[in-house]
Amino acid sequence: MSRVFNWLLQREERIFLWINGRLHNKILNFIFPNLTHLGGATFTIVFTATLAILAPHPWNRVGLQSLVALGLSHIPVAIIKKAYPRIRPYLVHPQTNTFRKPLVDHSFPSGHSTAIFSMLIPFMIQFPVLSLLALPLALSVALSRIYLGLHYPSDCFAGAFIGSLFAAITVSFWP
């Protein structure tokens, strides 16, 4: 089993280095450092709370669902980060391309990926046509975390899974 695990880690490391190194260009160097903030705490909390409080029905309900999913999804993220203290990739690989203010807490799972998926999934469930924009946006935020040298692909995948799961549970149990 450890051979399989090591093989997977090597493949993930190659994917990380390819995204973080080979994909770098002027356009993405402008887009990703700005886009990544859409998964940050400030934007996701302010956006969902504003919709929940100020938007007309049914947008206010979906905003509240997103806010609840956002809050609930970060409970397991905090627990997992403490239980599995994975070092951020830029600290492991000195050749990693990083941008300003690299994070120093643990890498696994990605909180930004969790946040963007937990925030957008309720909108995609309520308004499926929004999936055409929301899903590529969420995936781009997750990809930006790898591009910026802050997360491995599995960190982002785990975050997307946790955020999607808690969003789906929140919507399904909503009265």
C-alpha atoms as a PDB file:
ATOM      1  CA  MET A   1       0.000   0.000   0.000  1.00  0.00           C
ATOM      2  CA  SER A   2       2.839   2.405   0.761  1.00  0.00           C
ATOM      3  CA  ARG A   3       4.214   1.851  -2.756  1.00  0.00           C
ATOM      4  CA  VAL A   4       0.896   2.961  -4.237  1.00  0.00           C
ATOM      5  CA  PHE A   5       0.764   5.963  -1.913  1.00  0.00           C
ATOM      6  CA  ASN A   6       4.329   6.980  -2.815  1.00  0.00           C
ATOM      7  CA  TRP A   7       3.554   6.556  -6.509  1.00  0.00           C
ATOM      8  CA  LEU A   8       0.513   8.847  -6.141  1.00  0.00           C
ATOM      9  CA  LEU A   9       2.553  11.439  -4.254  1.00  0.00           C
ATOM     10  CA  GLN A  10       5.181  11.469  -6.996  1.00  0.00           C
ATOM     11  CA  ARG A  11       2.519  11.986  -9.675  1.00  0.00           C
ATOM     12  CA  GLU A  12       0.899  14.752  -7.661  1.00  0.00           C
ATOM     13  CA  GLU A  13       4.258  16.443  -7.199  1.00  0.00           C
ATOM     14  CA  ARG A  14       4.832  16.357 -10.966  1.00  0.00           C
ATOM     15  CA  ILE A  15       1.373  17.850 -11.592  1.00  0.00           C
ATOM     16  CA  PHE A  16       2.055  20.559  -9.025  1.00  0.00           C
ATOM     17  CA  LEU A  17       5.420  21.438 -10.539  1.00  0.00           C
ATOM     18  CA  TRP A  18       3.934  21.501 -14.050  1.00  0.00           C
ATOM     19  CA  ILE A  19       1.065  23.832 -13.069  1.00  0.00           C
ATOM     20  CA  ASN A  20       3.256  26.018 -10.883  1.00  0.00           C
ATOM     21  CA  GLY A  21       6.206  26.121 -13.269  1.00  0.00           C
ATOM     22  CA  ARG A  22       5.331  25.377 -16.865  1.00  0.00           C
ATOM     23  CA  LEU A  23       2.012  27.258 -16.976  1.00  0.00           C
ATOM     24  CA  HIS A  24       3.464  30.530 -15.700  1.00  0.00           C
ATOM     25  CA  ASN A  25       2.992  33.463 -18.064  1.00  0.00           C
ATOM     26  CA  LYS A  26       2.193  37.183 -17.861  1.00  0.00           C
ATOM     27  CA  ILE A  27      -1.558  36.792 -18.327  1.00  0.00           C
ATOM     28  CA  LEU A  28      -2.016  34.135 -15.643  1.00  0.00           C
ATOM     29  CA  ASN A  29       0.398  36.008 -13.365  1.00  0.00           C
ATOM     30  CA  PHE A  30      -2.148  38.834 -13.437  1.00  0.00           C
ATOM     31  CA  ILE A  31      -5.356  36.765 -13.344  1.00  0.00           C
ATOM     32  CA  PHE A  32      -4.656  34.124 -10.683  1.00  0.00           C
ATOM     33  CA  PRO A  33      -3.324  36.346  -7.858  1.00  0.00           C
ATOM     34  CA  ASN A  34      -6.525  38.389  -8.172  1.00  0.00           C
ATOM     35  CA  LEU A  35      -8.948  35.540  -8.850  1.00  0.00           C
ATOM     36  CA  THR A  36      -7.782  33.528  -5.851  1.00  0.00           C
ATOM     37  CA  HIS A  37      -9.335  36.107  -3.479  1.00  0.00           C
ATOM     38  CA  LEU A  38     -12.809  34.998  -4.577  1.00  0.00           C
ATOM     39  CA  GLY A  39     -12.235  31.951  -2.356  1.00  0.00           C
ATOM     40  CA  GLY A  40     -10.930  33.966   0.570  1.00  0.00           C
ATOM     41  CA  ALA A  41     -12.777  34.493   3.833  1.00  0.00           C
ATOM     42  CA  THR A  42     -13.410  38.212   3.326  1.00  0.00           C
ATOM     43  CA  PHE A  43     -15.066  37.898  -0.064  1.00  0.00           C
ATOM     44  CA  THR A  44     -17.055  34.719   0.585  1.00  0.00           C
ATOM     45  CA  ILE A  45     -18.434  35.864   3.942  1.00  0.00           C
ATOM     46  CA  VAL A  46     -19.283  39.402   2.792  1.00  0.00           C
ATOM     47  CA  PHE A  47     -20.826  38.193  -0.483  1.00  0.00           C
ATOM     48  CA  THR A  48     -23.024  35.488   1.037  1.00  0.00           C
ATOM     49  CA  ALA A  49     -24.055  37.601   4.046  1.00  0.00           C
ATOM     50  CA  THR A  50     -24.944  40.537   1.796  1.00  0.00           C
ATOM     51  CA  LEU A  51     -27.107  38.314  -0.400  1.00  0.00           C
ATOM     52  CA  ALA A  52     -28.752  36.705   2.623  1.00  0.00           C
ATOM     53  CA  ILE A  53     -29.634  40.087   4.112  1.00  0.00           C
ATOM     54  CA  LEU A  54     -30.304  42.346   1.130  1.00  0.00           C
ATOM     55  CA  ALA A  55     -31.250  40.262  -1.901  1.00  0.00           C
ATOM     56  CA  PRO A  56     -34.850  39.539  -2.892  1.00  0.00           C
ATOM     57  CA  HIS A  57     -36.310  36.031  -2.779  1.00  0.00           C
ATOM     58  CA  PRO A  58     -35.043  33.418  -3.884  1.00  0.00           C
ATOM     59  CA  TRP A  59     -31.547  34.951  -3.962  1.00  0.00           C
ATOM     60  CA  ASN A  60     -31.603  35.704  -0.236  1.00  0.00           C
ATOM     61  CA  ARG A  61     -32.424  32.084   0.566  1.00  0.00           C
ATOM     62  CA  VAL A  62     -29.590  30.796  -1.611  1.00  0.00           C
ATOM     63  CA  GLY A  63     -27.258  33.390  -0.079  1.00  0.00           C
ATOM     64  CA  LEU A  64     -28.182  32.133   3.389  1.00  0.00           C
ATOM     65  CA  GLN A  65     -27.696  28.511   2.306  1.00  0.00           C
ATOM     66  CA  SER A  66     -24.263  29.424   0.977  1.00  0.00           C
ATOM     67  CA  LEU A  67     -23.374  31.244   4.189  1.00  0.00           C
ATOM     68  CA  VAL A  68     -24.412  28.252   6.318  1.00  0.00           C
ATOM     69  CA  ALA A  69     -22.549  25.802   4.058  1.00  0.00           C
ATOM     70  CA  LEU A  70     -19.493  28.058   4.165  1.00  0.00           C
ATOM     71  CA  GLY A  71     -19.481  28.108   7.963  1.00  0.00           C
ATOM     72  CA  LEU A  72     -20.149  24.400   8.416  1.00  0.00           C
ATOM     73  CA  SER A  73     -17.603  23.308   5.810  1.00  0.00           C
ATOM     74  CA  HIS A  74     -14.757  25.033   7.611  1.00  0.00           C
ATOM     75  CA  ILE A  75     -15.219  22.988  10.774  1.00  0.00           C
ATOM     76  CA  PRO A  76     -13.785  19.804   9.211  1.00  0.00           C
ATOM     77  CA  VAL A  77     -11.178  21.887   7.366  1.00  0.00           C
ATOM     78  CA  ALA A  78      -9.850  23.235  10.678  1.00  0.00           C
ATOM     79  CA  ILE A  79      -9.870  19.754  12.223  1.00  0.00           C
ATOM     80  CA  ILE A  80      -8.143  18.127   9.244  1.00  0.00           C
ATOM     81  CA  LYS A  81      -5.476  20.864   9.052  1.00  0.00           C
ATOM     82  CA  LYS A  82      -4.563  20.108  12.672  1.00  0.00           C
ATOM     83  CA  ALA A  83      -4.766  16.312  12.307  1.00  0.00           C
ATOM     84  CA  TYR A  84      -2.772  16.139   9.041  1.00  0.00           C
ATOM     85  CA  PRO A  85      -0.189  18.964   9.144  1.00  0.00           C
ATOM     86  CA  ARG A  86       0.957  18.943   5.543  1.00  0.00           C
ATOM     87  CA  ILE A  87       3.698  21.429   4.738  1.00  0.00           C
ATOM     88  CA  ARG A  88       2.901  23.890   1.971  1.00  0.00           C
ATOM     89  CA  PRO A  89       4.563  23.085  -1.357  1.00  0.00           C
ATOM     90  CA  TYR A  90       6.575  26.304  -1.612  1.00  0.00           C
ATOM     91  CA  LEU A  91       8.285  25.338   1.659  1.00  0.00           C
ATOM     92  CA  VAL A  92       9.159  21.883   0.284  1.00  0.00           C
ATOM     93  CA  HIS A  93      10.206  22.921  -3.231  1.00  0.00           C
ATOM     94  CA  PRO A  94      12.531  25.947  -3.281  1.00  0.00           C
ATOM     95  CA  GLN A  95      11.973  26.442  -7.027  1.00  0.00           C
ATOM     96  CA  THR A  96       8.240  27.078  -6.501  1.00  0.00           C
ATOM     97  CA  ASN A  97       6.854  30.268  -8.012  1.00  0.00           C
ATOM     98  CA  THR A  98       5.178  32.205  -5.206  1.00  0.00           C
ATOM     99  CA  PHE A  99       3.568  35.590  -4.992  1.00  0.00           C
ATOM    100  CA  ARG A 100       3.197  38.083  -2.167  1.00  0.00           C
ATOM    101  CA  LYS A 101       2.321  36.931   1.336  1.00  0.00           C
ATOM    102  CA  PRO A 102       2.621  33.152   1.096  1.00  0.00           C
ATOM    103  CA  LEU A 103       0.684  31.382   3.864  1.00  0.00           C
ATOM    104  CA  VAL A 104       2.452  29.523   6.637  1.00  0.00           C
ATOM    105  CA  ASP A 105      -0.308  27.350   8.107  1.00  0.00           C
ATOM    106  CA  HIS A 106      -0.897  23.798   6.933  1.00  0.00           C
ATOM    107  CA  SER A 107      -1.722  22.991   3.346  1.00  0.00           C
ATOM    108  CA  PHE A 108      -4.281  20.167   3.522  1.00  0.00           C
ATOM    109  CA  PRO A 109      -7.113  20.785   2.664  1.00  0.00           C
ATOM    110  CA  SER A 110      -7.403  24.040   0.751  1.00  0.00           C
ATOM    111  CA  GLY A 111      -9.658  26.480   2.593  1.00  0.00           C
ATOM    112  CA  HIS A 112     -10.095  28.666  -0.498  1.00  0.00           C
ATOM    113  CA  SER A 113     -11.252  25.674  -2.552  1.00  0.00           C
ATOM    114  CA  THR A 114     -13.610  24.647   0.243  1.00  0.00           C
ATOM    115  CA  ALA A 115     -15.006  28.162   0.466  1.00  0.00           C
ATOM    116  CA  ILE A 116     -15.632  28.756  -3.228  1.00  0.00           C
ATOM    117  CA  PHE A 117     -17.332  25.394  -3.718  1.00  0.00           C
ATOM    118  CA  SER A 118     -19.443  25.667  -0.563  1.00  0.00           C
ATOM    119  CA  MET A 119     -20.485  29.143  -1.667  1.00  0.00           C
ATOM    120  CA  LEU A 120     -21.296  28.366  -5.324  1.00  0.00           C
ATOM    121  CA  ILE A 121     -22.864  24.881  -5.156  1.00  0.00           C
ATOM    122  CA  PRO A 122     -26.170  26.155  -3.663  1.00  0.00           C
ATOM    123  CA  PHE A 123     -26.434  28.611  -6.578  1.00  0.00           C
ATOM    124  CA  MET A 124     -25.728  25.825  -9.072  1.00  0.00           C
ATOM    125  CA  ILE A 125     -28.408  23.632  -7.455  1.00  0.00           C
ATOM    126  CA  GLN A 126     -31.037  26.401  -7.371  1.00  0.00           C
ATOM    127  CA  PHE A 127     -30.161  27.873 -10.766  1.00  0.00           C
ATOM    128  CA  PRO A 128     -28.530  25.115 -12.902  1.00  0.00           C
ATOM    129  CA  VAL A 129     -27.799  27.506 -15.766  1.00  0.00           C
ATOM    130  CA  LEU A 130     -25.373  29.340 -13.454  1.00  0.00           C
ATOM    131  CA  SER A 131     -23.231  26.195 -13.467  1.00  0.00           C
ATOM    132  CA  LEU A 132     -21.907  27.266 -16.859  1.00  0.00           C
ATOM    133  CA  LEU A 133     -20.138  30.167 -15.140  1.00  0.00           C
ATOM    134  CA  ALA A 134     -19.908  29.057 -11.510  1.00  0.00           C
ATOM    135  CA  LEU A 135     -18.201  25.702 -12.022  1.00  0.00           C
ATOM    136  CA  PRO A 136     -15.362  27.048 -14.208  1.00  0.00           C
ATOM    137  CA  LEU A 137     -14.972  29.920 -11.733  1.00  0.00           C
ATOM    138  CA  ALA A 138     -14.715  27.534  -8.753  1.00  0.00           C
ATOM    139  CA  LEU A 139     -12.270  25.290 -10.602  1.00  0.00           C
ATOM    140  CA  SER A 140     -10.174  28.333 -11.564  1.00  0.00           C
ATOM    141  CA  VAL A 141      -9.959  29.467  -7.942  1.00  0.00           C
ATOM    142  CA  ALA A 142      -8.804  25.963  -6.950  1.00  0.00           C
ATOM    143  CA  LEU A 143      -6.278  25.934  -9.810  1.00  0.00           C
ATOM    144  CA  SER A 144      -5.016  29.361  -8.735  1.00  0.00           C
ATOM    145  CA  ARG A 145      -4.032  27.906  -5.358  1.00  0.00           C
ATOM    146  CA  ILE A 146      -1.699  25.441  -7.101  1.00  0.00           C
ATOM    147  CA  TYR A 147      -0.444  28.047  -9.559  1.00  0.00           C
ATOM    148  CA  LEU A 148       0.455  30.369  -6.678  1.00  0.00           C
ATOM    149  CA  GLY A 149       2.470  27.613  -4.974  1.00  0.00           C
ATOM    150  CA  LEU A 150       0.220  27.384  -1.932  1.00  0.00           C
ATOM    151  CA  HIS A 151      -1.406  23.960  -2.389  1.00  0.00           C
ATOM    152  CA  TYR A 152      -0.935  20.572  -3.951  1.00  0.00           C
ATOM    153  CA  PRO A 153      -3.681  19.291  -6.280  1.00  0.00           C
ATOM    154  CA  SER A 154      -5.007  16.881  -3.613  1.00  0.00           C
ATOM    155  CA  ASP A 155      -5.375  19.817  -1.184  1.00  0.00           C
ATOM    156  CA  CYS A 156      -7.633  21.563  -3.691  1.00  0.00           C
ATOM    157  CA  PHE A 157      -9.508  18.399  -4.592  1.00  0.00           C
ATOM    158  CA  ALA A 158     -10.186  17.671  -0.908  1.00  0.00           C
ATOM    159  CA  GLY A 159     -11.311  21.255  -0.333  1.00  0.00           C
ATOM    160  CA  ALA A 160     -13.630  21.151  -3.349  1.00  0.00           C
ATOM    161  CA  PHE A 161     -15.083  17.848  -2.126  1.00  0.00           C
ATOM    162  CA  ILE A 162     -15.658  19.116   1.433  1.00  0.00           C
ATOM    163  CA  GLY A 163     -17.209  22.378   0.217  1.00  0.00           C
ATOM    164  CA  SER A 164     -19.457  20.608  -2.294  1.00  0.00           C
ATOM    165  CA  LEU A 165     -20.511  17.981   0.248  1.00  0.00           C
ATOM    166  CA  PHE A 166     -21.463  20.516   2.911  1.00  0.00           C
ATOM    167  CA  ALA A 167     -23.256  22.691   0.371  1.00  0.00           C
ATOM    168  CA  ALA A 168     -25.277  19.730  -0.933  1.00  0.00           C
ATOM    169  CA  ILE A 169     -26.136  18.630   2.621  1.00  0.00           C
ATOM    170  CA  THR A 170     -27.155  22.177   3.580  1.00  0.00           C
ATOM    171  CA  VAL A 171     -29.430  22.534   0.559  1.00  0.00           C
ATOM    172  CA  SER A 172     -30.955  19.070   0.978  1.00  0.00           C
ATOM    173  CA  PHE A 173     -31.855  19.691   4.639  1.00  0.00           C
ATOM    174  CA  TRP A 174     -33.091  23.241   4.054  1.00  0.00           C
ATOM    175  CA  PRO A 175     -36.799  23.599   4.953  1.00  0.00           C
END
